[in-house]
Amino acid sequence: MSYTKLTRDEIAKRIALDIPEGSYVNLGIGMPTLVGNHLPKDREIFLHSENGILGMGPAPAPGEEDGDLINAGKEPVTLLTGGAYFHHTDSFAMMRGGHLDIAVLGAFQVSVSGDLANWSTGGDAIPAVGGAMDLAVGAKNVWVMMEHLTKEGQSKLVERCTYPLTGIGVVKRIYTDLAVIDVTLRGLAARDLVPGLGFDELQRLSGVPLLFAGTKAAA
């Protein structure tokens, strides 16, 4: 049976649906910023950016960008009514002080025990860990948004990370273009597989032991 991978926007929408009312959320550089465009309109969710914004809105319409209003990835954003700007130091105090409910981060690799590797010194990668390590240890919940496989077809789920570690045992949930995977004490528990994808095939592609946690298809 054939299956179709989720697009990046579809993964972002899937994540947005899981964010509870009243949450304070940081969206990491890259793919995670797309989540801000899909937040349910009937929920009040407060987006934080590490460069000093709380109450960040979605991306502006073309032609309405404000060069002084950007997120941590230097992408133009909007500010919701009641939003605020503040010093970088205060922003990191929020991150390190446990004031964020969720941090959605990209990743090169996630280990079976929830170790996170999302920075590198090689290739086209950003050559520094930046605020990711502060988010990884400071946020109450760390969710990873990533494609399941590398461009070479290798799984980003690994027994042990080979990239530099951002945080040890910090990841609680992984959203990929194939499934949602929870990091549990028993191991990685896969659920919400894309329509047409069987668990055995997901297990083969992942290359690490998975538990089967449900058959619900991803929206």
Protein backbone atom coordinates (compact mmCIF):
# COMPACT_ATOMS: atom_id res chain seq x y z
CA MET A 1 0.00 0.00 0.00
CA SER A 2 1.42 3.40 -0.94
CA TYR A 3 1.71 6.41 1.31
CA THR A 4 2.46 10.10 0.91
CA LYS A 5 4.79 11.95 3.24
CA LEU A 6 3.50 15.07 4.95
CA THR A 7 4.77 18.39 3.66
CA ARG A 8 6.53 20.74 6.06
CA ASP A 9 3.35 22.81 6.32
CA GLU A 10 1.33 19.70 7.11
CA ILE A 11 3.75 18.71 9.88
CA ALA A 12 3.49 22.27 11.24
CA LYS A 13 -0.31 22.08 11.22
CA ARG A 14 -0.19 18.74 13.04
CA ILE A 15 2.00 20.25 15.76
CA ALA A 16 -0.17 23.37 16.07
CA LEU A 17 -3.25 21.25 16.77
CA ASP A 18 -1.50 19.69 19.79
CA ILE A 19 -0.57 22.98 21.49
CA PRO A 20 -2.98 23.60 24.40
CA GLU A 21 -4.83 26.81 25.17
CA GLY A 22 -2.77 29.33 27.13
CA SER A 23 0.62 27.82 26.28
CA TYR A 24 3.83 29.83 26.07
CA VAL A 25 5.74 28.45 23.10
CA ASN A 26 9.11 29.04 21.43
CA LEU A 27 9.46 28.06 17.77
CA GLY A 28 13.04 27.28 16.80
CA ILE A 29 14.86 28.50 13.70
CA GLY A 30 13.95 26.83 10.42
CA MET A 31 11.03 24.44 9.99
CA PRO A 32 9.45 25.08 13.43
CA THR A 33 8.67 28.70 12.53
CA LEU A 34 5.95 27.36 10.19
CA VAL A 35 3.91 26.27 13.21
CA GLY A 36 3.01 29.90 13.90
CA ASN A 37 1.02 30.05 10.67
CA HIS A 38 -1.29 27.20 11.70
CA LEU A 39 -2.27 27.92 15.31
CA PRO A 40 -6.00 27.38 15.94
CA LYS A 41 -7.79 30.73 15.94
CA ASP A 42 -9.95 29.71 18.90
CA ARG A 43 -6.95 29.23 21.22
CA GLU A 44 -4.85 31.89 22.90
CA ILE A 45 -1.24 30.79 22.48
CA PHE A 46 1.71 33.05 23.26
CA LEU A 47 4.69 32.74 20.91
CA HIS A 48 8.13 33.67 22.22
CA SER A 49 11.22 34.46 20.13
CA GLU A 50 14.64 34.33 21.75
CA ASN A 51 15.69 37.68 20.30
CA GLY A 52 13.14 39.32 22.62
CA ILE A 53 9.51 39.01 21.52
CA LEU A 54 6.45 37.69 23.34
CA GLY A 55 3.13 37.68 21.52
CA MET A 56 4.63 37.05 18.09
CA GLY A 57 2.14 36.61 15.27
CA PRO A 58 2.30 34.77 11.93
CA ALA A 59 4.37 35.79 8.94
CA PRO A 60 3.21 39.09 7.36
CA ALA A 61 1.49 39.24 4.00
CA PRO A 62 3.82 39.90 1.05
CA GLY A 63 4.68 43.58 0.91
CA GLU A 64 3.76 44.21 4.55
CA GLU A 65 7.07 43.17 6.10
CA ASP A 66 8.66 45.38 8.76
CA GLY A 67 12.45 45.19 8.63
CA ASP A 68 12.66 45.89 12.37
CA LEU A 69 10.24 43.09 13.30
CA ILE A 70 11.97 39.74 12.85
CA ASN A 71 12.27 36.44 14.67
CA ALA A 72 15.46 34.72 15.83
CA GLY A 73 16.02 33.38 12.32
CA LYS A 74 15.86 36.92 10.89
CA GLU A 75 12.53 36.17 9.18
CA PRO A 76 9.81 38.88 9.16
CA VAL A 77 6.98 38.31 11.64
CA THR A 78 4.02 40.21 13.04
CA LEU A 79 3.15 41.24 16.58
CA LEU A 80 -0.25 40.46 18.08
CA THR A 81 -2.21 42.97 20.14
CA GLY A 82 -0.62 43.09 23.59
CA GLY A 83 2.70 41.73 22.33
CA ALA A 84 5.95 42.99 23.81
CA TYR A 85 9.64 43.53 23.03
CA PHE A 86 12.37 43.15 25.64
CA HIS A 87 16.10 42.73 26.16
CA HIS A 88 17.88 39.60 24.97
CA THR A 89 18.96 38.92 28.56
CA ASP A 90 15.34 38.91 29.76
CA SER A 91 14.42 36.58 26.91
CA PHE A 92 17.04 34.05 27.93
CA ALA A 93 15.94 34.36 31.57
CA MET A 94 12.48 33.24 30.41
CA MET A 95 14.00 30.30 28.54
CA ARG A 96 16.32 29.19 31.33
CA GLY A 97 13.84 29.84 34.11
CA GLY A 98 11.29 27.24 33.03
CA HIS A 99 8.71 29.79 31.86
CA LEU A 100 8.09 28.20 28.46
CA ASP A 101 5.61 25.35 28.18
CA ILE A 102 6.82 24.06 24.83
CA ALA A 103 9.86 24.52 22.60
CA VAL A 104 9.53 23.21 19.06
CA LEU A 105 13.01 22.58 17.66
CA GLY A 106 14.50 21.14 14.51
CA ALA A 107 16.99 18.30 14.70
CA PHE A 108 19.70 16.45 12.82
CA GLN A 109 19.23 13.44 15.13
CA VAL A 110 17.18 12.28 18.10
CA SER A 111 18.28 9.23 20.08
CA VAL A 112 16.00 6.51 21.45
CA SER A 113 16.46 8.01 24.92
CA GLY A 114 15.51 11.55 23.82
CA ASP A 115 18.97 13.04 23.34
CA LEU A 116 18.85 15.98 20.92
CA ALA A 117 21.44 16.96 18.32
CA ASN A 118 20.45 19.99 16.27
CA TRP A 119 23.63 21.86 15.46
CA SER A 120 26.83 21.21 13.55
CA THR A 121 30.06 22.89 12.56
CA GLY A 122 30.10 21.43 9.05
CA GLY A 123 28.46 22.05 5.69
CA ASP A 124 25.77 24.68 5.41
CA ALA A 125 24.66 24.34 9.03
CA ILE A 126 24.59 27.25 11.46
CA PRO A 127 28.01 26.84 13.14
CA ALA A 128 26.86 27.34 16.72
CA VAL A 129 24.35 25.90 19.16
CA GLY A 130 22.86 29.36 19.84
CA GLY A 131 19.90 29.38 22.23
CA ALA A 132 18.88 25.80 21.45
CA MET A 133 20.66 24.39 24.50
CA ASP A 134 18.86 26.89 26.75
CA LEU A 135 15.51 25.96 25.23
CA ALA A 136 16.29 22.25 25.42
CA VAL A 137 16.87 22.29 29.17
CA GLY A 138 14.57 25.17 30.10
CA ALA A 139 11.30 24.41 28.33
CA LYS A 140 8.84 22.11 30.11
CA ASN A 141 8.30 20.14 26.90
CA VAL A 142 10.68 19.82 23.95
CA TRP A 143 9.03 18.74 20.71
CA VAL A 144 11.11 18.05 17.62
CA MET A 145 9.94 18.82 14.07
CA MET A 146 11.98 17.10 11.39
CA GLU A 147 11.87 14.97 8.28
CA HIS A 148 12.15 11.30 9.16
CA LEU A 149 15.06 10.59 6.81
CA THR A 150 18.09 12.50 5.61
CA LYS A 151 18.50 13.34 1.93
CA GLU A 152 20.66 10.21 1.73
CA GLY A 153 17.81 8.08 3.11
CA GLN A 154 19.26 7.54 6.58
CA SER A 155 17.01 7.68 9.63
CA LYS A 156 17.31 10.69 11.93
CA LEU A 157 16.23 8.42 14.79
CA VAL A 158 19.37 6.81 16.16
CA GLU A 159 20.57 4.66 19.02
CA ARG A 160 23.18 7.28 19.86
CA CYS A 161 23.67 10.74 18.36
CA THR A 162 26.81 11.26 16.32
CA TYR A 163 26.30 15.02 15.93
CA PRO A 164 27.22 17.34 18.84
CA LEU A 165 24.60 17.08 21.58
CA THR A 166 22.29 19.97 22.36
CA GLY A 167 20.66 18.28 25.34
CA ILE A 168 20.59 14.86 27.01
CA GLY A 169 17.23 13.13 27.44
CA VAL A 170 15.27 16.32 26.75
CA VAL A 171 12.97 15.38 23.84
CA LYS A 172 9.43 14.30 24.73
CA ARG A 173 7.80 14.10 21.29
CA ILE A 174 8.94 13.92 17.66
CA TYR A 175 6.87 15.02 14.67
CA THR A 176 8.09 13.81 11.29
CA ASP A 177 6.69 13.59 7.78
CA LEU A 178 5.78 9.96 8.52
CA ALA A 179 4.50 9.78 12.11
CA VAL A 180 4.25 11.24 15.59
CA ILE A 181 6.62 9.52 18.00
CA ASP A 182 6.60 9.88 21.78
CA VAL A 183 9.76 9.37 23.81
CA THR A 184 8.76 7.14 26.73
CA LEU A 185 10.55 5.23 29.48
CA ARG A 186 9.89 2.06 27.46
CA GLY A 187 11.30 3.52 24.24
CA LEU A 188 10.07 5.35 21.16
CA ALA A 189 6.30 4.94 20.74
CA ALA A 190 4.99 5.62 17.21
CA ARG A 191 1.44 6.78 16.52
CA ASP A 192 -0.49 8.83 13.96
CA LEU A 193 1.25 7.22 10.99
CA VAL A 194 0.48 8.82 7.63
CA PRO A 195 -2.31 7.03 5.72
CA GLY A 196 -1.05 3.94 3.92
CA LEU A 197 2.14 3.56 5.98
CA GLY A 198 2.29 0.33 7.96
CA PHE A 199 4.11 0.02 11.26
CA ASP A 200 6.50 -2.60 9.90
CA GLU A 201 7.59 -0.25 7.10
CA LEU A 202 8.01 2.63 9.56
CA GLN A 203 10.10 0.33 11.74
CA ARG A 204 12.28 -0.60 8.76
CA LEU A 205 12.82 3.02 7.75
CA SER A 206 13.56 4.12 11.32
CA GLY A 207 16.31 1.60 11.96
CA VAL A 208 15.77 1.68 15.73
CA PRO A 209 13.28 -0.24 17.92
CA LEU A 210 9.80 1.29 17.97
CA LEU A 211 6.71 0.57 20.01
CA PHE A 212 3.30 0.61 18.33
CA ALA A 213 1.10 3.18 20.10
CA GLY A 214 -1.86 3.58 17.75
CA THR A 215 -3.24 3.44 14.24
CA LYS A 216 -4.75 6.92 13.92
CA ALA A 217 -3.71 8.60 10.68
CA ALA A 218 -2.08 12.03 10.78
CA ALA A 219 -4.40 14.89 9.81
